[in-house]
Amino acid sequence: MKLFELVEKVQDSGEYILGSRETGSHACYLVYGALKPGEKGRELRPGHGHEEIVLALIGDLRLTGHSTGTLKQGQALHLTGEESVFVENTGNSQALYVIAGGHSGHGHHE
């Protein structure tokens, strides 16, 4: 069993991608993200040939772009291809989100 420590890896950049470099697989990846109180403007976009499910893990996220509104803690949003949203943490404490992603169809191997 191989375990991956993610919490420490977001301290500087605010986001960490657990992917093929660590797992050896190109089938899926996971993104762990943290937004400071009041932080805004981070773009989430799967990219060509990818799909992602964004889960608000702790805190609510304000969304603008392809989807507009609030992604409440415990809610998820599905994005495909070039669909993008900008996320903002309007709360008074750190917000955490997780993105599960993978290749749709042939993905980047086309």
N, C-alpha and C. Protein backbone atom coordinates (compact mmCIF):
# COMPACT_ATOMS: atom_id res chain seq x y z
N MET A 1 0.86 -1.17 0.00
CA MET A 1 0.00 0.00 0.00
C MET A 1 0.91 1.23 0.00
N LYS A 2 0.60 2.16 -0.90
CA LYS A 2 1.35 3.41 -0.97
C LYS A 2 0.42 4.55 -0.56
N LEU A 3 0.85 5.31 0.44
CA LEU A 3 0.05 6.44 0.93
C LEU A 3 0.68 7.74 0.45
N PHE A 4 -0.15 8.73 0.23
CA PHE A 4 0.31 10.02 -0.27
C PHE A 4 -0.09 11.12 0.72
N GLU A 5 0.89 11.87 1.20
CA GLU A 5 0.64 13.00 2.10
C GLU A 5 0.38 14.24 1.25
N LEU A 6 -0.80 14.82 1.36
CA LEU A 6 -1.16 15.95 0.50
C LEU A 6 -1.22 17.29 1.24
N VAL A 7 -1.57 17.28 2.51
CA VAL A 7 -1.82 18.52 3.24
C VAL A 7 -0.61 19.45 3.22
N GLU A 8 0.57 18.92 3.49
CA GLU A 8 1.77 19.77 3.52
C GLU A 8 2.11 20.33 2.15
N LYS A 9 1.72 19.65 1.10
CA LYS A 9 2.12 20.03 -0.26
C LYS A 9 1.37 21.25 -0.79
N VAL A 10 0.30 21.68 -0.13
CA VAL A 10 -0.45 22.85 -0.60
C VAL A 10 -0.05 24.13 0.13
N GLN A 11 0.86 24.04 1.07
CA GLN A 11 1.21 25.20 1.89
C GLN A 11 1.66 26.40 1.05
N ASP A 12 2.50 26.19 0.05
CA ASP A 12 3.03 27.31 -0.73
C ASP A 12 2.15 27.66 -1.93
N SER A 13 1.77 26.66 -2.70
CA SER A 13 1.07 26.93 -3.96
C SER A 13 -0.45 26.98 -3.81
N GLY A 14 -0.99 26.35 -2.77
CA GLY A 14 -2.44 26.32 -2.59
C GLY A 14 -3.11 25.17 -3.30
N GLU A 15 -2.35 24.40 -4.11
CA GLU A 15 -2.94 23.29 -4.83
C GLU A 15 -1.87 22.25 -5.12
N TYR A 16 -2.26 20.98 -5.06
CA TYR A 16 -1.34 19.91 -5.36
C TYR A 16 -2.04 18.87 -6.23
N ILE A 17 -1.38 18.44 -7.30
CA ILE A 17 -1.94 17.44 -8.20
C ILE A 17 -1.26 16.11 -7.95
N LEU A 18 -2.04 15.12 -7.55
CA LEU A 18 -1.55 13.76 -7.37
C LEU A 18 -1.87 13.03 -8.67
N GLY A 19 -0.84 12.73 -9.43
CA GLY A 19 -1.06 12.14 -10.75
C GLY A 19 -0.07 11.07 -11.11
N SER A 20 0.17 10.94 -12.39
CA SER A 20 0.96 9.84 -12.92
C SER A 20 2.39 9.79 -12.38
N ARG A 21 2.95 10.95 -12.05
CA ARG A 21 4.32 10.96 -11.51
C ARG A 21 4.39 10.13 -10.22
N GLU A 22 3.35 10.24 -9.38
CA GLU A 22 3.34 9.50 -8.12
C GLU A 22 2.73 8.11 -8.26
N THR A 23 1.68 8.00 -9.09
CA THR A 23 0.93 6.74 -9.15
C THR A 23 1.38 5.81 -10.27
N GLY A 24 2.01 6.37 -11.29
CA GLY A 24 2.39 5.56 -12.44
C GLY A 24 1.24 5.31 -13.41
N SER A 25 0.09 5.93 -13.15
CA SER A 25 -1.10 5.72 -13.98
C SER A 25 -1.52 7.02 -14.65
N HIS A 26 -1.94 6.93 -15.91
CA HIS A 26 -2.47 8.09 -16.63
C HIS A 26 -4.00 8.06 -16.66
N ALA A 27 -4.62 7.10 -15.99
CA ALA A 27 -6.08 6.94 -16.05
C ALA A 27 -6.81 7.99 -15.24
N CYS A 28 -6.23 8.44 -14.12
CA CYS A 28 -6.92 9.38 -13.25
C CYS A 28 -5.93 10.22 -12.47
N TYR A 29 -6.44 11.30 -11.89
CA TYR A 29 -5.63 12.15 -11.03
C TYR A 29 -6.53 12.78 -9.99
N LEU A 30 -5.91 13.33 -8.95
CA LEU A 30 -6.64 13.98 -7.89
C LEU A 30 -5.94 15.30 -7.57
N VAL A 31 -6.74 16.35 -7.40
CA VAL A 31 -6.19 17.66 -7.04
C VAL A 31 -6.73 18.01 -5.66
N TYR A 32 -5.83 18.42 -4.77
CA TYR A 32 -6.19 18.85 -3.43
C TYR A 32 -5.88 20.33 -3.35
N GLY A 33 -6.89 21.16 -3.06
CA GLY A 33 -6.68 22.59 -3.06
C GLY A 33 -7.14 23.26 -1.79
N ALA A 34 -6.46 24.35 -1.44
CA ALA A 34 -6.81 25.15 -0.28
C ALA A 34 -6.88 26.61 -0.70
N LEU A 35 -7.91 27.29 -0.24
CA LEU A 35 -8.08 28.72 -0.49
C LEU A 35 -8.11 29.45 0.84
N LYS A 36 -7.28 30.47 0.97
CA LYS A 36 -7.25 31.27 2.19
C LYS A 36 -8.54 32.09 2.28
N PRO A 37 -8.89 32.55 3.47
CA PRO A 37 -10.07 33.41 3.60
C PRO A 37 -9.97 34.61 2.66
N GLY A 38 -11.02 34.83 1.88
CA GLY A 38 -11.05 35.95 0.94
C GLY A 38 -10.29 35.73 -0.35
N GLU A 39 -9.62 34.60 -0.50
CA GLU A 39 -8.86 34.34 -1.73
C GLU A 39 -9.82 34.12 -2.89
N LYS A 40 -9.48 34.72 -4.04
CA LYS A 40 -10.35 34.60 -5.21
C LYS A 40 -9.54 34.48 -6.48
N GLY A 41 -10.24 34.07 -7.53
CA GLY A 41 -9.63 34.11 -8.85
C GLY A 41 -8.88 32.88 -9.28
N ARG A 42 -8.96 31.77 -8.59
CA ARG A 42 -8.29 30.56 -9.06
C ARG A 42 -9.18 29.90 -10.10
N GLU A 43 -8.62 29.64 -11.28
CA GLU A 43 -9.39 29.02 -12.36
C GLU A 43 -9.28 27.50 -12.27
N LEU A 44 -10.42 26.85 -12.41
CA LEU A 44 -10.48 25.39 -12.49
C LEU A 44 -10.97 25.05 -13.89
N ARG A 45 -10.17 24.28 -14.64
CA ARG A 45 -10.50 23.93 -16.03
C ARG A 45 -9.86 22.58 -16.32
N PRO A 46 -10.68 21.56 -16.67
CA PRO A 46 -10.10 20.24 -16.95
C PRO A 46 -9.14 20.25 -18.13
N GLY A 47 -9.49 20.93 -19.20
CA GLY A 47 -8.67 20.93 -20.41
C GLY A 47 -9.17 19.89 -21.41
N HIS A 48 -8.73 20.05 -22.64
CA HIS A 48 -9.16 19.17 -23.73
C HIS A 48 -8.95 17.70 -23.37
N GLY A 49 -10.00 16.90 -23.57
CA GLY A 49 -9.90 15.46 -23.35
C GLY A 49 -9.97 15.02 -21.90
N HIS A 50 -10.33 15.93 -21.00
CA HIS A 50 -10.41 15.60 -19.58
C HIS A 50 -11.78 15.96 -19.02
N GLU A 51 -12.14 15.31 -17.93
CA GLU A 51 -13.34 15.63 -17.17
C GLU A 51 -12.94 15.66 -15.70
N GLU A 52 -13.61 16.52 -14.94
CA GLU A 52 -13.31 16.63 -13.52
C GLU A 52 -14.59 16.80 -12.71
N ILE A 53 -14.55 16.28 -11.50
CA ILE A 53 -15.60 16.51 -10.52
C ILE A 53 -14.95 17.30 -9.38
N VAL A 54 -15.50 18.48 -9.10
CA VAL A 54 -14.98 19.37 -8.06
C VAL A 54 -15.88 19.22 -6.84
N LEU A 55 -15.30 18.89 -5.69
CA LEU A 55 -16.03 18.73 -4.44
C LEU A 55 -15.59 19.80 -3.46
N ALA A 56 -16.53 20.59 -2.95
CA ALA A 56 -16.24 21.53 -1.86
C ALA A 56 -16.16 20.70 -0.58
N LEU A 57 -14.97 20.50 -0.10
CA LEU A 57 -14.75 19.62 1.06
C LEU A 57 -15.01 20.34 2.37
N ILE A 58 -14.42 21.52 2.54
CA ILE A 58 -14.63 22.34 3.73
C ILE A 58 -14.87 23.77 3.26
N GLY A 59 -15.99 24.33 3.65
CA GLY A 59 -16.33 25.70 3.27
C GLY A 59 -17.10 25.75 1.97
N ASP A 60 -17.66 26.91 1.69
CA ASP A 60 -18.41 27.15 0.46
C ASP A 60 -17.53 27.91 -0.52
N LEU A 61 -17.70 27.64 -1.80
CA LEU A 61 -16.92 28.31 -2.84
C LEU A 61 -17.85 29.09 -3.76
N ARG A 62 -17.55 30.35 -3.98
CA ARG A 62 -18.30 31.15 -4.95
C ARG A 62 -17.74 30.83 -6.33
N LEU A 63 -18.64 30.56 -7.28
CA LEU A 63 -18.25 30.21 -8.64
C LEU A 63 -18.68 31.30 -9.62
N THR A 64 -17.80 31.59 -10.57
CA THR A 64 -18.17 32.43 -11.71
C THR A 64 -17.56 31.77 -12.94
N GLY A 65 -18.17 32.02 -14.09
CA GLY A 65 -17.69 31.43 -15.33
C GLY A 65 -18.74 30.50 -15.90
N HIS A 66 -18.34 29.28 -16.28
CA HIS A 66 -19.27 28.32 -16.87
C HIS A 66 -20.47 28.08 -15.96
N SER A 67 -20.22 27.98 -14.67
CA SER A 67 -21.28 27.87 -13.67
C SER A 67 -21.13 29.04 -12.73
N THR A 68 -22.25 29.63 -12.34
CA THR A 68 -22.23 30.78 -11.44
C THR A 68 -23.12 30.47 -10.25
N GLY A 69 -22.64 30.82 -9.08
CA GLY A 69 -23.41 30.57 -7.86
C GLY A 69 -22.48 30.14 -6.76
N THR A 70 -23.00 29.35 -5.83
CA THR A 70 -22.21 28.88 -4.69
C THR A 70 -22.18 27.36 -4.69
N LEU A 71 -20.98 26.83 -4.62
CA LEU A 71 -20.78 25.40 -4.42
C LEU A 71 -20.63 25.22 -2.92
N LYS A 72 -21.67 24.71 -2.29
CA LYS A 72 -21.68 24.58 -0.84
C LYS A 72 -20.89 23.36 -0.39
N GLN A 73 -20.39 23.45 0.83
CA GLN A 73 -19.65 22.34 1.42
C GLN A 73 -20.44 21.04 1.23
N GLY A 74 -19.77 20.04 0.68
CA GLY A 74 -20.41 18.75 0.44
C GLY A 74 -21.04 18.62 -0.94
N GLN A 75 -21.10 19.70 -1.71
CA GLN A 75 -21.64 19.64 -3.06
C GLN A 75 -20.52 19.48 -4.07
N ALA A 76 -20.86 18.89 -5.22
CA ALA A 76 -19.88 18.66 -6.29
C ALA A 76 -20.40 19.22 -7.60
N LEU A 77 -19.45 19.55 -8.48
CA LEU A 77 -19.73 20.10 -9.80
C LEU A 77 -18.93 19.32 -10.82
N HIS A 78 -19.54 18.98 -11.97
CA HIS A 78 -18.88 18.25 -13.04
C HIS A 78 -18.50 19.23 -14.15
N LEU A 79 -17.23 19.20 -14.56
CA LEU A 79 -16.73 20.03 -15.65
C LEU A 79 -16.12 19.14 -16.72
N THR A 80 -16.28 19.53 -17.98
CA THR A 80 -15.67 18.78 -19.08
C THR A 80 -14.90 19.72 -20.00
N GLY A 81 -13.81 19.20 -20.54
CA GLY A 81 -13.04 19.91 -21.56
C GLY A 81 -12.63 21.31 -21.17
N GLU A 82 -13.05 22.28 -21.99
CA GLU A 82 -12.64 23.66 -21.78
C GLU A 82 -13.59 24.45 -20.88
N GLU A 83 -14.60 23.79 -20.30
CA GLU A 83 -15.46 24.48 -19.33
C GLU A 83 -14.58 24.92 -18.16
N SER A 84 -14.78 26.14 -17.70
CA SER A 84 -13.96 26.61 -16.59
C SER A 84 -14.80 27.43 -15.62
N VAL A 85 -14.38 27.41 -14.38
CA VAL A 85 -14.97 28.25 -13.35
C VAL A 85 -13.82 28.90 -12.57
N PHE A 86 -14.10 30.08 -12.06
CA PHE A 86 -13.20 30.74 -11.14
C PHE A 86 -13.80 30.56 -9.75
N VAL A 87 -12.96 30.16 -8.79
CA VAL A 87 -13.45 29.92 -7.43
C VAL A 87 -12.95 31.00 -6.49
N GLU A 88 -13.79 31.30 -5.52
CA GLU A 88 -13.47 32.31 -4.51
C GLU A 88 -13.92 31.81 -3.15
N ASN A 89 -13.10 32.01 -2.16
CA ASN A 89 -13.47 31.69 -0.79
C ASN A 89 -13.93 32.98 -0.12
N THR A 90 -15.23 33.12 0.08
CA THR A 90 -15.77 34.33 0.70
C THR A 90 -15.88 34.18 2.21
N GLY A 91 -15.52 33.02 2.73
CA GLY A 91 -15.62 32.78 4.17
C GLY A 91 -14.47 33.35 4.97
N ASN A 92 -14.55 33.17 6.29
CA ASN A 92 -13.55 33.68 7.21
C ASN A 92 -12.50 32.65 7.62
N SER A 93 -12.59 31.46 7.06
CA SER A 93 -11.60 30.43 7.36
C SER A 93 -11.21 29.72 6.06
N GLN A 94 -10.14 28.95 6.13
CA GLN A 94 -9.64 28.26 4.94
C GLN A 94 -10.71 27.34 4.35
N ALA A 95 -10.81 27.32 3.03
CA ALA A 95 -11.70 26.40 2.32
C ALA A 95 -10.85 25.35 1.63
N LEU A 96 -11.33 24.12 1.61
CA LEU A 96 -10.63 23.02 0.95
C LEU A 96 -11.53 22.42 -0.11
N TYR A 97 -10.92 22.04 -1.24
CA TYR A 97 -11.66 21.35 -2.28
C TYR A 97 -10.81 20.20 -2.81
N VAL A 98 -11.50 19.25 -3.41
CA VAL A 98 -10.85 18.10 -4.04
C VAL A 98 -11.41 17.98 -5.45
N ILE A 99 -10.53 17.71 -6.39
CA ILE A 99 -10.94 17.49 -7.78
C ILE A 99 -10.51 16.08 -8.17
N ALA A 100 -11.45 15.28 -8.63
CA ALA A 100 -11.15 13.97 -9.18
C ALA A 100 -11.27 14.09 -10.69
N GLY A 101 -10.23 13.73 -11.41
CA GLY A 101 -10.25 13.90 -12.85
C GLY A 101 -9.70 12.71 -13.59
N GLY A 102 -10.03 12.69 -14.86
CA GLY A 102 -9.54 11.63 -15.72
C GLY A 102 -9.74 12.00 -17.17
N HIS A 103 -9.37 11.09 -18.02
CA HIS A 103 -9.46 11.30 -19.45
C HIS A 103 -10.82 10.88 -19.96
N SER A 104 -11.44 11.74 -20.79
CA SER A 104 -12.70 11.36 -21.43
C SER A 104 -12.35 10.82 -22.81
N GLY A 105 -12.92 9.74 -23.17
CA GLY A 105 -12.60 9.13 -24.46
C GLY A 105 -11.14 8.76 -24.50
N HIS A 106 -10.42 9.33 -25.45
CA HIS A 106 -9.00 9.02 -25.58
C HIS A 106 -8.12 9.99 -24.81
N GLY A 107 -8.71 11.06 -24.23
CA GLY A 107 -7.95 12.02 -23.46
C GLY A 107 -6.79 12.59 -24.23
N HIS A 108 -5.66 12.77 -23.56
CA HIS A 108 -4.51 13.38 -24.22
C HIS A 108 -3.72 12.39 -25.05
N HIS A 109 -4.19 11.16 -25.12
CA HIS A 109 -3.48 10.14 -25.89
C HIS A 109 -3.95 10.06 -27.33
N GLU A 110 -4.78 11.04 -27.77
CA GLU A 110 -5.32 11.03 -29.13
C GLU A 110 -4.22 11.24 -30.14
